[in-house]
Amino acid sequence: MMTDTARCALVLGASGGLGAALVVEFLADPAITLVIAVSRKGQPLSLSVSADVTNKLVWIQTEYDEQSMTTVVDQLEGLAGNIARVCICHGLLHSETIWPEKRLEDINATSMHEIFQSNTVVPALWLKLLFKILKGQEPCVIATMSARVGSIGDNRVGGWHSYRASKAALNMVLKNMAIEYGRRAKNVKLIAFHPGTTDTGLSKPFQGAVPNGKLFSAAFVATRLAQLMDNVDLDGQLSYIDWDGQPIPW
């Protein structure tokens, strides 16, 4: 991997729809010299990378237990101080065995644990483990995929108990992390990002209810997030914002 003059972007959960779009977005950015993509499944066959930027991409395949994640961060130690962008793209809403709860009787402990593991625990572990290689002189912006439904103040319809609660918990984790990073790594800015309804597998079963013009392509959201990351202030605070840069109530 490059060192010294590298200005790197790190995409975690890179094989998903939005993660893969962010990889493509950063590869196209001439200010980024290296893109590190991390995922469980490995590089998607559908991800098209032009020949002139393939040397900018490093793909790391891993599980998301703490030991495996620690190994990944150890591999990145040569890039310490040179990572300018981090996108944490993990998220679970449904699977073959999990579906968003419509009423309290639908709550299942096993499903709730799995959703919290993906949406809250794994991002928290990344922020813990990455600290030692993100602090330094290079301004670094970290965006973690939150959701508007994680807002307690904006919750007017209920339902989706596990997903809402896991994203609200994520927001609190990010708030805590922003306070500690603000004291110990003043070069780092944290963002809790709501991408809107994006055309990925996560939203696919629910897209029929999305108003016209409100279903965004992953490429559009990736571009919007990259622009927001380019223009944000290193203020030591957590920003909870949507794809349009608008603040969301906690």
C-alpha atoms as a PDB file:
ATOM      1  CA  MET A   1       0.000   0.000   0.000  1.00  0.00           C
ATOM      2  CA  MET A   2       1.054   3.611  -0.540  1.00  0.00           C
ATOM      3  CA  THR A   3       2.451   5.625   2.353  1.00  0.00           C
ATOM      4  CA  ASP A   4       3.816   9.103   3.092  1.00  0.00           C
ATOM      5  CA  THR A   5       1.995  11.132   0.429  1.00  0.00           C
ATOM      6  CA  ALA A   6      -1.115   8.943   0.223  1.00  0.00           C
ATOM      7  CA  ARG A   7      -4.522  10.520   0.782  1.00  0.00           C
ATOM      8  CA  CYS A   8      -6.759   7.548   1.353  1.00  0.00           C
ATOM      9  CA  ALA A   9     -10.453   6.730   1.489  1.00  0.00           C
ATOM     10  CA  LEU A  10     -11.662   3.742   3.507  1.00  0.00           C
ATOM     11  CA  VAL A  11     -15.063   2.179   2.743  1.00  0.00           C
ATOM     12  CA  LEU A  12     -16.310  -0.382   5.276  1.00  0.00           C
ATOM     13  CA  GLY A  13     -19.189  -2.607   4.180  1.00  0.00           C
ATOM     14  CA  ALA A  14     -18.108  -1.938   0.608  1.00  0.00           C
ATOM     15  CA  SER A  15     -19.933  -4.763  -1.179  1.00  0.00           C
ATOM     16  CA  GLY A  16     -23.416  -3.329  -0.539  1.00  0.00           C
ATOM     17  CA  GLY A  17     -25.138  -1.019  -3.000  1.00  0.00           C
ATOM     18  CA  LEU A  18     -24.154   2.267  -1.376  1.00  0.00           C
ATOM     19  CA  GLY A  19     -20.734   1.032  -0.261  1.00  0.00           C
ATOM     20  CA  ALA A  20     -19.847  -0.033  -3.806  1.00  0.00           C
ATOM     21  CA  ALA A  21     -21.055   3.323  -5.166  1.00  0.00           C
ATOM     22  CA  LEU A  22     -18.807   5.125  -2.693  1.00  0.00           C
ATOM     23  CA  VAL A  23     -15.843   3.034  -3.833  1.00  0.00           C
ATOM     24  CA  VAL A  24     -16.504   4.152  -7.419  1.00  0.00           C
ATOM     25  CA  GLU A  25     -16.961   7.769  -6.283  1.00  0.00           C
ATOM     26  CA  PHE A  26     -13.644   7.864  -4.442  1.00  0.00           C
ATOM     27  CA  LEU A  27     -11.803   6.100  -7.261  1.00  0.00           C
ATOM     28  CA  ALA A  28     -12.929   8.905  -9.589  1.00  0.00           C
ATOM     29  CA  ASP A  29     -11.697  11.612  -7.205  1.00  0.00           C
ATOM     30  CA  PRO A  30      -8.198  12.761  -8.271  1.00  0.00           C
ATOM     31  CA  ALA A  31      -7.567  14.049  -4.746  1.00  0.00           C
ATOM     32  CA  ILE A  32      -7.806  10.475  -3.410  1.00  0.00           C
ATOM     33  CA  THR A  33      -4.684   8.429  -4.124  1.00  0.00           C
ATOM     34  CA  LEU A  34      -5.824   5.110  -2.629  1.00  0.00           C
ATOM     35  CA  VAL A  35      -9.203   3.500  -1.894  1.00  0.00           C
ATOM     36  CA  ILE A  36      -9.382   0.641   0.606  1.00  0.00           C
ATOM     37  CA  ALA A  37     -12.608  -1.334   0.419  1.00  0.00           C
ATOM     38  CA  VAL A  38     -13.511  -3.769   3.193  1.00  0.00           C
ATOM     39  CA  SER A  39     -16.371  -6.267   3.037  1.00  0.00           C
ATOM     40  CA  ARG A  40     -17.416  -9.761   3.996  1.00  0.00           C
ATOM     41  CA  LYS A  41     -18.329 -10.897   0.475  1.00  0.00           C
ATOM     42  CA  GLY A  42     -15.394  -9.453  -1.424  1.00  0.00           C
ATOM     43  CA  GLN A  43     -15.485  -7.261  -4.511  1.00  0.00           C
ATOM     44  CA  PRO A  44     -18.835  -7.535  -6.348  1.00  0.00           C
ATOM     45  CA  LEU A  45     -18.597  -8.791  -9.923  1.00  0.00           C
ATOM     46  CA  SER A  46     -20.953  -5.968 -10.905  1.00  0.00           C
ATOM     47  CA  LEU A  47     -18.529  -3.297  -9.706  1.00  0.00           C
ATOM     48  CA  SER A  48     -16.987  -1.780 -12.828  1.00  0.00           C
ATOM     49  CA  VAL A  49     -13.540  -0.253 -12.305  1.00  0.00           C
ATOM     50  CA  SER A  50     -11.783   1.377 -15.246  1.00  0.00           C
ATOM     51  CA  ALA A  51      -8.245   0.237 -16.009  1.00  0.00           C
ATOM     52  CA  ASP A  52      -6.712   3.629 -15.247  1.00  0.00           C
ATOM     53  CA  VAL A  53      -7.758   3.511 -11.579  1.00  0.00           C
ATOM     54  CA  THR A  54      -7.428  -0.181 -10.718  1.00  0.00           C
ATOM     55  CA  ASN A  55      -4.056   0.532  -9.100  1.00  0.00           C
ATOM     56  CA  LYS A  56      -5.851   2.851  -6.655  1.00  0.00           C
ATOM     57  CA  LEU A  57      -8.043   0.071  -5.232  1.00  0.00           C
ATOM     58  CA  VAL A  58      -7.229  -2.421  -2.485  1.00  0.00           C
ATOM     59  CA  TRP A  59     -10.018  -4.841  -1.489  1.00  0.00           C
ATOM     60  CA  ILE A  60      -9.893  -6.631   1.861  1.00  0.00           C
ATOM     61  CA  GLN A  61     -12.289  -9.450   2.709  1.00  0.00           C
ATOM     62  CA  THR A  62     -13.116 -10.058   6.368  1.00  0.00           C
ATOM     63  CA  GLU A  63     -15.671 -11.197   8.895  1.00  0.00           C
ATOM     64  CA  TYR A  64     -17.070  -8.620  11.318  1.00  0.00           C
ATOM     65  CA  ASP A  65     -16.061 -10.099  14.645  1.00  0.00           C
ATOM     66  CA  GLU A  66     -13.660  -7.958  16.661  1.00  0.00           C
ATOM     67  CA  GLN A  67     -10.644 -10.203  16.130  1.00  0.00           C
ATOM     68  CA  SER A  68     -11.027 -10.129  12.338  1.00  0.00           C
ATOM     69  CA  MET A  69     -11.631  -6.376  12.349  1.00  0.00           C
ATOM     70  CA  THR A  70      -8.513  -5.865  14.461  1.00  0.00           C
ATOM     71  CA  THR A  71      -6.514  -7.787  11.864  1.00  0.00           C
ATOM     72  CA  VAL A  72      -7.818  -5.467   9.143  1.00  0.00           C
ATOM     73  CA  VAL A  73      -6.828  -2.351  11.085  1.00  0.00           C
ATOM     74  CA  ASP A  74      -3.381  -3.838  11.736  1.00  0.00           C
ATOM     75  CA  GLN A  75      -3.004  -4.223   7.949  1.00  0.00           C
ATOM     76  CA  LEU A  76      -3.725  -0.508   7.560  1.00  0.00           C
ATOM     77  CA  GLU A  77      -1.163   0.738  10.082  1.00  0.00           C
ATOM     78  CA  GLY A  78       1.211   1.783   7.288  1.00  0.00           C
ATOM     79  CA  LEU A  79      -1.437   4.336   6.261  1.00  0.00           C
ATOM     80  CA  ALA A  80      -1.711   5.892   9.736  1.00  0.00           C
ATOM     81  CA  GLY A  81      -2.214   9.634   9.431  1.00  0.00           C
ATOM     82  CA  ASN A  82      -3.036   9.462   5.708  1.00  0.00           C
ATOM     83  CA  ILE A  83      -6.691   8.414   5.795  1.00  0.00           C
ATOM     84  CA  ALA A  84      -8.868  11.382   4.847  1.00  0.00           C
ATOM     85  CA  ARG A  85     -12.271   9.723   4.335  1.00  0.00           C
ATOM     86  CA  VAL A  86     -13.985   6.848   6.140  1.00  0.00           C
ATOM     87  CA  CYS A  87     -17.463   5.587   5.245  1.00  0.00           C
ATOM     88  CA  ILE A  88     -19.056   2.980   7.524  1.00  0.00           C
ATOM     89  CA  CYS A  89     -21.822   1.467   5.419  1.00  0.00           C
ATOM     90  CA  HIS A  90     -23.089  -1.444   7.510  1.00  0.00           C
ATOM     91  CA  GLY A  91     -26.820  -1.819   7.867  1.00  0.00           C
ATOM     92  CA  LEU A  92     -29.459  -4.517   8.296  1.00  0.00           C
ATOM     93  CA  LEU A  93     -33.201  -3.977   7.952  1.00  0.00           C
ATOM     94  CA  HIS A  94     -34.397  -7.360   6.690  1.00  0.00           C
ATOM     95  CA  SER A  95     -33.120 -10.746   5.635  1.00  0.00           C
ATOM     96  CA  GLU A  96     -34.533 -14.164   4.779  1.00  0.00           C
ATOM     97  CA  THR A  97     -35.428 -14.602   8.456  1.00  0.00           C
ATOM     98  CA  ILE A  98     -35.872 -10.984   9.647  1.00  0.00           C
ATOM     99  CA  TRP A  99     -38.609  -8.505   8.787  1.00  0.00           C
ATOM    100  CA  PRO A 100     -39.349  -5.041  10.253  1.00  0.00           C
ATOM    101  CA  GLU A 101     -41.858  -5.334  13.080  1.00  0.00           C
ATOM    102  CA  LYS A 102     -45.251  -3.750  12.478  1.00  0.00           C
ATOM    103  CA  ARG A 103     -46.459  -4.294  16.047  1.00  0.00           C
ATOM    104  CA  LEU A 104     -44.911  -5.128  19.409  1.00  0.00           C
ATOM    105  CA  GLU A 105     -45.960  -8.798  19.164  1.00  0.00           C
ATOM    106  CA  ASP A 106     -43.516  -9.157  16.251  1.00  0.00           C
ATOM    107  CA  ILE A 107     -40.442  -8.417  18.372  1.00  0.00           C
ATOM    108  CA  ASN A 108     -38.026 -11.335  18.420  1.00  0.00           C
ATOM    109  CA  ALA A 109     -34.921 -11.371  20.617  1.00  0.00           C
ATOM    110  CA  THR A 110     -32.711 -13.211  18.133  1.00  0.00           C
ATOM    111  CA  SER A 111     -33.603 -10.852  15.287  1.00  0.00           C
ATOM    112  CA  MET A 112     -33.148  -7.810  17.493  1.00  0.00           C
ATOM    113  CA  HIS A 113     -29.665  -8.958  18.523  1.00  0.00           C
ATOM    114  CA  GLU A 114     -28.702  -9.472  14.873  1.00  0.00           C
ATOM    115  CA  ILE A 115     -29.948  -6.041  13.837  1.00  0.00           C
ATOM    116  CA  PHE A 116     -28.157  -4.302  16.709  1.00  0.00           C
ATOM    117  CA  GLN A 117     -24.964  -6.224  15.928  1.00  0.00           C
ATOM    118  CA  SER A 118     -24.935  -4.969  12.342  1.00  0.00           C
ATOM    119  CA  ASN A 119     -26.303  -1.452  12.819  1.00  0.00           C
ATOM    120  CA  THR A 120     -24.763  -0.441  16.148  1.00  0.00           C
ATOM    121  CA  VAL A 121     -22.067  -2.800  17.434  1.00  0.00           C
ATOM    122  CA  VAL A 122     -19.996  -3.205  14.270  1.00  0.00           C
ATOM    123  CA  PRO A 123     -19.761   0.569  13.566  1.00  0.00           C
ATOM    124  CA  ALA A 124     -18.834   1.161  17.224  1.00  0.00           C
ATOM    125  CA  LEU A 125     -16.040  -1.419  16.981  1.00  0.00           C
ATOM    126  CA  TRP A 126     -14.668   0.181  13.810  1.00  0.00           C
ATOM    127  CA  LEU A 127     -14.555   3.583  15.496  1.00  0.00           C
ATOM    128  CA  LYS A 128     -12.785   2.078  18.494  1.00  0.00           C
ATOM    129  CA  LEU A 129     -10.216   0.160  16.437  1.00  0.00           C
ATOM    130  CA  LEU A 130      -9.530   2.846  13.824  1.00  0.00           C
ATOM    131  CA  PHE A 131      -8.774   5.589  16.333  1.00  0.00           C
ATOM    132  CA  LYS A 132      -5.041   4.849  16.486  1.00  0.00           C
ATOM    133  CA  ILE A 133      -4.563   5.235  12.725  1.00  0.00           C
ATOM    134  CA  LEU A 134      -6.948   8.161  12.125  1.00  0.00           C
ATOM    135  CA  LYS A 135      -5.569  10.632  14.641  1.00  0.00           C
ATOM    136  CA  GLY A 136      -2.875  12.917  13.297  1.00  0.00           C
ATOM    137  CA  GLN A 137      -2.458  15.970  11.096  1.00  0.00           C
ATOM    138  CA  GLU A 138      -4.486  14.848   8.067  1.00  0.00           C
ATOM    139  CA  PRO A 139      -8.087  16.115   8.296  1.00  0.00           C
ATOM    140  CA  CYS A 140     -10.302  13.035   8.392  1.00  0.00           C
ATOM    141  CA  VAL A 141     -14.071  12.892   7.944  1.00  0.00           C
ATOM    142  CA  ILE A 142     -15.983   9.785   9.048  1.00  0.00           C
ATOM    143  CA  ALA A 143     -19.515   9.205   7.770  1.00  0.00           C
ATOM    144  CA  THR A 144     -21.595   6.405   9.268  1.00  0.00           C
ATOM    145  CA  MET A 145     -24.890   5.326   7.720  1.00  0.00           C
ATOM    146  CA  SER A 146     -27.606   6.310  10.153  1.00  0.00           C
ATOM    147  CA  ALA A 147     -31.278   6.842   9.235  1.00  0.00           C
ATOM    148  CA  ARG A 148     -34.013   9.381   9.781  1.00  0.00           C
ATOM    149  CA  VAL A 149     -36.070   6.662  11.473  1.00  0.00           C
ATOM    150  CA  GLY A 150     -33.398   6.645  14.193  1.00  0.00           C
ATOM    151  CA  SER A 151     -34.585  10.101  15.242  1.00  0.00           C
ATOM    152  CA  ILE A 152     -36.607   9.981  18.462  1.00  0.00           C
ATOM    153  CA  GLY A 153     -37.981  13.485  17.888  1.00  0.00           C
ATOM    154  CA  ASP A 154     -39.082  12.666  14.327  1.00  0.00           C
ATOM    155  CA  ASN A 155     -40.821   9.368  15.201  1.00  0.00           C
ATOM    156  CA  ARG A 156     -44.531   9.836  14.649  1.00  0.00           C
ATOM    157  CA  VAL A 157     -45.684   6.466  13.328  1.00  0.00           C
ATOM    158  CA  GLY A 158     -43.776   3.864  15.382  1.00  0.00           C
ATOM    159  CA  GLY A 159     -43.114   0.350  14.147  1.00  0.00           C
ATOM    160  CA  TRP A 160     -39.834  -1.066  12.866  1.00  0.00           C
ATOM    161  CA  HIS A 161     -38.859  -1.362  16.522  1.00  0.00           C
ATOM    162  CA  SER A 162     -35.457  -3.039  16.180  1.00  0.00           C
ATOM    163  CA  TYR A 163     -34.254  -0.973  13.230  1.00  0.00           C
ATOM    164  CA  ARG A 164     -35.355   2.338  14.744  1.00  0.00           C
ATOM    165  CA  ALA A 165     -33.844   1.479  18.120  1.00  0.00           C
ATOM    166  CA  SER A 166     -30.552   0.264  16.613  1.00  0.00           C
ATOM    167  CA  LYS A 167     -30.130   3.490  14.643  1.00  0.00           C
ATOM    168  CA  ALA A 168     -31.051   5.632  17.662  1.00  0.00           C
ATOM    169  CA  ALA A 169     -28.452   3.671  19.645  1.00  0.00           C
ATOM    170  CA  LEU A 170     -25.949   4.214  16.830  1.00  0.00           C
ATOM    171  CA  ASN A 171     -26.560   7.964  17.018  1.00  0.00           C
ATOM    172  CA  MET A 172     -25.775   7.924  20.734  1.00  0.00           C
ATOM    173  CA  VAL A 173     -22.614   5.882  20.128  1.00  0.00           C
ATOM    174  CA  LEU A 174     -21.552   8.391  17.474  1.00  0.00           C
ATOM    175  CA  LYS A 175     -22.275  11.305  19.808  1.00  0.00           C
ATOM    176  CA  ASN A 176     -20.095   9.733  22.491  1.00  0.00           C
ATOM    177  CA  MET A 177     -17.365   8.993  19.955  1.00  0.00           C
ATOM    178  CA  ALA A 178     -17.470  12.561  18.607  1.00  0.00           C
ATOM    179  CA  ILE A 179     -16.921  13.937  22.102  1.00  0.00           C
ATOM    180  CA  GLU A 180     -13.958  11.652  22.727  1.00  0.00           C
ATOM    181  CA  TYR A 181     -12.473  12.061  19.250  1.00  0.00           C
ATOM    182  CA  GLY A 182     -12.929  15.817  19.697  1.00  0.00           C
ATOM    183  CA  ARG A 183     -10.640  15.705  22.735  1.00  0.00           C
ATOM    184  CA  ARG A 184      -8.103  13.171  21.505  1.00  0.00           C
ATOM    185  CA  ALA A 185      -8.124  13.477  17.694  1.00  0.00           C
ATOM    186  CA  LYS A 186      -9.021  17.018  16.721  1.00  0.00           C
ATOM    187  CA  ASN A 187      -8.379  16.275  13.050  1.00  0.00           C
ATOM    188  CA  VAL A 188     -11.448  13.992  12.886  1.00  0.00           C
ATOM    189  CA  LYS A 189     -15.051  14.968  12.123  1.00  0.00           C
ATOM    190  CA  LEU A 190     -17.971  12.519  12.541  1.00  0.00           C
ATOM    191  CA  ILE A 191     -21.206  12.489  10.536  1.00  0.00           C
ATOM    192  CA  ALA A 192     -24.347  10.426  11.129  1.00  0.00           C
ATOM    193  CA  PHE A 193     -25.685  10.325   7.579  1.00  0.00           C
ATOM    194  CA  HIS A 194     -29.226   9.655   6.367  1.00  0.00           C
ATOM    195  CA  PRO A 195     -28.987   8.741   2.664  1.00  0.00           C
ATOM    196  CA  GLY A 196     -32.698   8.936   1.951  1.00  0.00           C
ATOM    197  CA  THR A 197     -34.412   5.977   0.324  1.00  0.00           C
ATOM    198  CA  THR A 198     -31.696   4.590  -1.896  1.00  0.00           C
ATOM    199  CA  ASP A 199     -32.217   2.017  -4.639  1.00  0.00           C
ATOM    200  CA  THR A 200     -30.375  -0.857  -2.955  1.00  0.00           C
ATOM    201  CA  GLY A 201     -31.281  -4.266  -1.612  1.00  0.00           C
ATOM    202  CA  LEU A 202     -32.022  -2.778   1.820  1.00  0.00           C
ATOM    203  CA  SER A 203     -34.935  -0.699   0.527  1.00  0.00           C
ATOM    204  CA  LYS A 204     -36.068  -2.962  -2.325  1.00  0.00           C
ATOM    205  CA  PRO A 205     -39.177  -4.474  -0.635  1.00  0.00           C
ATOM    206  CA  PHE A 206     -40.440  -1.029   0.387  1.00  0.00           C
ATOM    207  CA  GLN A 207     -39.852   1.030  -2.738  1.00  0.00           C
ATOM    208  CA  GLY A 208     -43.470   0.831  -3.875  1.00  0.00           C
ATOM    209  CA  ALA A 209     -44.461   3.303  -1.154  1.00  0.00           C
ATOM    210  CA  VAL A 210     -41.759   5.845  -2.021  1.00  0.00           C
ATOM    211  CA  PRO A 211     -43.096   9.100  -3.569  1.00  0.00           C
ATOM    212  CA  ASN A 212     -42.008   9.996  -7.090  1.00  0.00           C
ATOM    213  CA  GLY A 213     -38.583  11.584  -7.136  1.00  0.00           C
ATOM    214  CA  LYS A 214     -37.660  10.345  -3.660  1.00  0.00           C
ATOM    215  CA  LEU A 215     -35.981   7.067  -4.624  1.00  0.00           C
ATOM    216  CA  PHE A 216     -32.326   7.913  -5.166  1.00  0.00           C
ATOM    217  CA  SER A 217     -29.695   5.977  -7.060  1.00  0.00           C
ATOM    218  CA  ALA A 218     -26.720   4.800  -5.036  1.00  0.00           C
ATOM    219  CA  ALA A 219     -24.425   6.815  -7.322  1.00  0.00           C
ATOM    220  CA  PHE A 220     -26.382  10.019  -6.590  1.00  0.00           C
ATOM    221  CA  VAL A 221     -26.207   9.483  -2.843  1.00  0.00           C
ATOM    222  CA  ALA A 222     -22.497   8.635  -2.996  1.00  0.00           C
ATOM    223  CA  THR A 223     -21.802  11.882  -4.856  1.00  0.00           C
ATOM    224  CA  ARG A 224     -23.867  13.911  -2.392  1.00  0.00           C
ATOM    225  CA  LEU A 225     -22.096  12.356   0.594  1.00  0.00           C
ATOM    226  CA  ALA A 226     -18.654  12.924  -0.941  1.00  0.00           C
ATOM    227  CA  GLN A 227     -19.548  16.583  -1.513  1.00  0.00           C
ATOM    228  CA  LEU A 228     -20.740  16.979   2.073  1.00  0.00           C
ATOM    229  CA  MET A 229     -17.553  15.378   3.386  1.00  0.00           C
ATOM    230  CA  ASP A 230     -15.466  17.755   1.275  1.00  0.00           C
ATOM    231  CA  ASN A 231     -17.155  20.834   2.725  1.00  0.00           C
ATOM    232  CA  VAL A 232     -17.753  19.980   6.378  1.00  0.00           C
ATOM    233  CA  ASP A 233     -15.985  21.846   9.193  1.00  0.00           C
ATOM    234  CA  LEU A 234     -13.712  20.003  11.628  1.00  0.00           C
ATOM    235  CA  ASP A 235     -15.665  21.318  14.608  1.00  0.00           C
ATOM    236  CA  GLY A 236     -15.327  18.354  16.979  1.00  0.00           C
ATOM    237  CA  GLN A 237     -19.094  17.807  16.879  1.00  0.00           C
ATOM    238  CA  LEU A 238     -21.327  15.068  15.500  1.00  0.00           C
ATOM    239  CA  SER A 239     -23.503  16.202  12.584  1.00  0.00           C
ATOM    240  CA  TYR A 240     -26.753  14.273  12.038  1.00  0.00           C
ATOM    241  CA  ILE A 241     -27.703  15.236   8.494  1.00  0.00           C
ATOM    242  CA  ASP A 242     -29.525  13.962   5.444  1.00  0.00           C
ATOM    243  CA  TRP A 243     -28.402  13.591   1.826  1.00  0.00           C
ATOM    244  CA  ASP A 244     -29.189  17.283   1.233  1.00  0.00           C
ATOM    245  CA  GLY A 245     -27.057  18.435   4.156  1.00  0.00           C
ATOM    246  CA  GLN A 246     -30.101  19.285   6.267  1.00  0.00           C
ATOM    247  CA  PRO A 247     -29.940  18.612  10.032  1.00  0.00           C
ATOM    248  CA  ILE A 248     -32.216  15.936  11.523  1.00  0.00           C
ATOM    249  CA  PRO A 249     -33.670  16.285  15.033  1.00  0.00           C
ATOM    250  CA  TRP A 250     -32.257  13.870  17.580  1.00  0.00           C
END
